[in-house]
Protein backbone atom coordinates (compact mmCIF):
# COMPACT_ATOMS: atom_id res chain seq x y z
CA MET A 1 8.86 38.89 -16.31
CA LYS A 2 5.43 40.27 -15.45
CA LYS A 3 3.25 38.06 -13.27
CA GLN A 4 0.08 36.77 -14.90
CA ALA A 5 -3.25 37.59 -13.29
CA LEU A 6 -4.68 34.58 -11.48
CA PRO A 7 -7.70 33.34 -13.46
CA PRO A 8 -10.72 31.68 -11.84
CA LEU A 9 -10.03 28.10 -10.77
CA ASN A 10 -11.82 26.58 -13.77
CA ASP A 11 -9.42 28.39 -16.12
CA ARG A 12 -6.17 27.63 -14.29
CA ILE A 13 -3.89 25.29 -16.22
CA SER A 14 -3.21 23.18 -13.13
CA PHE A 15 -6.94 22.68 -12.55
CA LEU A 16 -7.58 21.92 -16.23
CA MET A 17 -4.80 19.30 -16.09
CA HIS A 18 -6.35 17.87 -12.93
CA ARG A 19 -9.75 17.62 -14.63
CA ILE A 20 -8.22 15.90 -17.66
CA GLY A 21 -6.41 13.41 -15.40
CA ALA A 22 -9.57 12.73 -13.41
CA LYS A 23 -11.58 12.19 -16.61
CA LEU A 24 -8.93 9.80 -17.94
CA GLU A 25 -9.19 7.77 -14.74
CA LEU A 26 -13.00 7.65 -15.03
CA ILE A 27 -12.72 6.43 -18.62
CA CYS A 28 -9.80 4.04 -18.27
CA ASN A 29 -9.95 2.48 -14.80
CA PRO A 30 -13.14 0.45 -15.43
CA TYR A 31 -11.50 -0.98 -18.55
CA PHE A 32 -8.26 -1.76 -16.72
CA ARG A 33 -10.02 -3.46 -13.79
CA ARG A 34 -10.36 -6.62 -15.88
CA TYR A 35 -6.54 -6.78 -15.80
CA ASP A 36 -6.36 -5.84 -12.12
CA VAL A 37 -4.46 -2.61 -12.86
CA ALA A 38 -5.23 1.11 -12.76
CA LEU A 39 -4.34 3.95 -15.11
CA GLN A 40 -1.02 4.69 -13.39
CA ASN A 41 -0.02 1.00 -13.58
CA SER A 42 -1.02 0.85 -17.23
CA ARG A 43 1.26 3.75 -18.07
CA MET A 44 4.19 1.96 -16.46
CA LEU A 45 3.36 -1.23 -18.37
CA VAL A 46 3.18 0.66 -21.67
CA MET A 47 6.48 2.41 -20.87
CA LEU A 48 8.06 -1.03 -20.42
CA LEU A 49 6.38 -2.27 -23.61
CA GLU A 50 7.89 0.61 -25.58
CA ASN A 51 11.34 0.55 -23.97
CA GLY A 52 11.89 -3.07 -22.98
CA ARG A 53 13.78 -3.61 -19.75
CA ALA A 54 14.16 -0.50 -17.58
CA ARG A 55 15.88 0.40 -14.37
CA VAL A 56 13.60 1.38 -11.50
CA GLY A 57 15.26 4.80 -11.53
CA ASP A 58 14.23 5.26 -15.17
CA LEU A 59 10.62 4.50 -14.22
CA VAL A 60 10.81 7.00 -11.35
CA THR A 61 12.07 9.66 -13.77
CA GLY A 62 9.66 8.75 -16.55
CA MET A 63 6.60 8.57 -14.35
CA ALA A 64 7.64 11.62 -12.26
CA LEU A 65 6.61 9.79 -9.09
CA PRO A 66 8.51 9.13 -5.86
CA GLN A 67 10.69 6.03 -5.66
CA SER A 68 8.50 4.65 -2.87
CA THR A 69 5.36 4.90 -5.05
CA ILE A 70 7.05 3.20 -7.99
CA SER A 71 8.46 0.45 -5.73
CA HIS A 72 5.03 -0.19 -4.22
CA GLN A 73 3.41 -0.37 -7.65
CA LEU A 74 6.12 -2.69 -8.94
CA ARG A 75 5.57 -5.04 -5.98
CA GLU A 76 1.86 -5.14 -6.83
CA LEU A 77 2.53 -5.71 -10.55
CA GLU A 78 5.01 -8.45 -9.66
CA LYS A 79 2.39 -10.18 -7.45
CA ARG A 80 0.04 -10.13 -10.46
CA LYS A 81 2.83 -11.69 -12.56
CA LEU A 82 2.89 -8.73 -14.95
CA VAL A 83 6.53 -7.73 -14.34
CA ARG A 84 9.66 -9.31 -12.99
CA ARG A 85 12.49 -7.54 -11.24
CA SER A 86 16.14 -8.53 -11.30
CA PRO A 87 19.39 -7.05 -9.99
CA GLY A 88 21.27 -4.79 -12.36
CA VAL A 89 24.12 -6.43 -14.27
CA ALA A 90 26.67 -3.62 -13.98
CA ASP A 91 25.47 -2.40 -10.58
CA SER A 92 23.85 -4.88 -8.20
CA ARG A 93 22.33 -1.97 -6.24
CA SER A 94 20.14 -1.07 -9.21
CA VAL A 95 17.05 -3.08 -10.09
CA ASN A 96 15.85 -3.85 -13.60
CA VAL A 97 12.21 -4.38 -14.47
CA GLU A 98 10.75 -6.15 -17.48
CA LEU A 99 7.37 -7.39 -18.59
CA THR A 100 6.42 -11.02 -18.27
CA ALA A 101 4.57 -12.66 -21.18
CA ARG A 102 1.30 -11.94 -19.37
CA GLY A 103 2.46 -8.38 -18.68
CA GLU A 104 3.19 -7.86 -22.36
CA ARG A 105 -0.33 -9.00 -23.30
CA VAL A 106 -1.87 -6.65 -20.72
CA ALA A 107 0.44 -3.79 -21.79
CA ARG A 108 -0.70 -4.24 -25.41
CA GLN A 109 -4.35 -4.01 -24.30
CA CYS A 110 -3.55 -0.91 -22.25
CA ASN A 111 -1.74 0.62 -25.21
CA GLY A 112 -4.75 -0.07 -27.43
CA LEU A 113 -7.03 1.89 -25.13
CA SER A 114 -4.39 4.61 -24.89
CA ALA A 115 -4.36 4.88 -28.70
CA SER A 116 -8.16 5.27 -28.78
CA VAL A 117 -8.11 7.91 -26.05
CA TYR A 118 -5.23 9.73 -27.77
CA GLN A 119 -7.10 9.86 -31.09
CA THR A 120 -10.14 11.33 -29.36
CA MET A 121 -8.01 13.93 -27.58
CA VAL A 122 -6.16 15.14 -30.68
CA GLU A 123 -9.06 15.03 -33.13
CA GLY A 124 -9.24 18.28 -35.08
CA PHE A 125 -5.73 19.48 -34.16
CA SER A 126 -3.25 20.10 -36.95
CA LYS A 127 0.21 18.56 -36.78
CA ASP A 128 1.67 22.01 -35.96
CA GLU A 129 -0.91 22.63 -33.23
CA LEU A 130 -0.11 19.28 -31.63
CA GLU A 131 3.62 19.96 -31.70
CA LEU A 132 3.05 23.38 -30.12
CA LEU A 133 0.86 21.83 -27.42
CA ARG A 134 3.49 19.15 -26.66
CA THR A 135 6.22 21.80 -26.52
CA GLN A 136 4.22 23.98 -24.14
CA LEU A 137 3.34 21.04 -21.88
CA ARG A 138 7.00 19.97 -21.75
CA LEU A 139 7.96 23.54 -20.83
CA ILE A 140 5.36 23.57 -18.05
CA PHE A 141 6.80 20.28 -16.75
CA VAL A 142 10.36 21.66 -16.74
CA ARG A 143 9.19 24.77 -14.90
CA LEU A 144 7.43 22.63 -12.32
CA GLU A 145 10.58 20.52 -11.88
CA THR A 146 12.50 23.75 -11.21
CA LEU A 147 9.87 24.89 -8.70
CA HIS A 148 9.98 21.48 -6.99
CA ALA A 149 13.77 21.58 -6.68
CA ARG A 150 13.59 25.11 -5.27
CA GLU A 151 10.96 24.08 -2.73
CA LEU A 152 12.99 21.04 -1.68
CA ALA A 153 16.05 23.25 -1.15
CA ARG A 154 14.02 25.55 1.13
CA ARG A 155 12.83 22.77 3.42
CA PRO A 156 14.72 22.33 6.67
CA PRO A 157 16.71 19.08 6.86
CA LYS A 158 14.92 16.11 8.43
CA ARG A 159 15.93 15.29 11.98
CA LYS A 160 17.20 11.82 12.66
């Protein structure tokens, strides 16, 4: 496959994605402050709202963040009484997470803002254009996962 010419920074997909993420934080974080959460927390809350109880590992996979980051965020959400953690039923080494009643109310508010933002983002796109965009973004994610795995394999082992 022929390598693509490197466009100027403002036209690179990674930078465009960064700018979109930064703009989402500027829009959403002031709204979420009233619930003492940030955009990343809200996404986790909405994921739990949509899926019910989840294992921490599922949140790590879904959020594409390190286990340590997810664990830290869950501790903070638990302190705010938005989630509760419990040992897994089949495997006591796993940890399940679910929304509290308060967490469900906050997650619904977060999801409402998400719906408004989504509608603004997709305005003017046809159904086929949106499906193509989703497909391309998923493909980019898979390629980045492959790159990440390759980079991890190249790193020298950590010394103990």
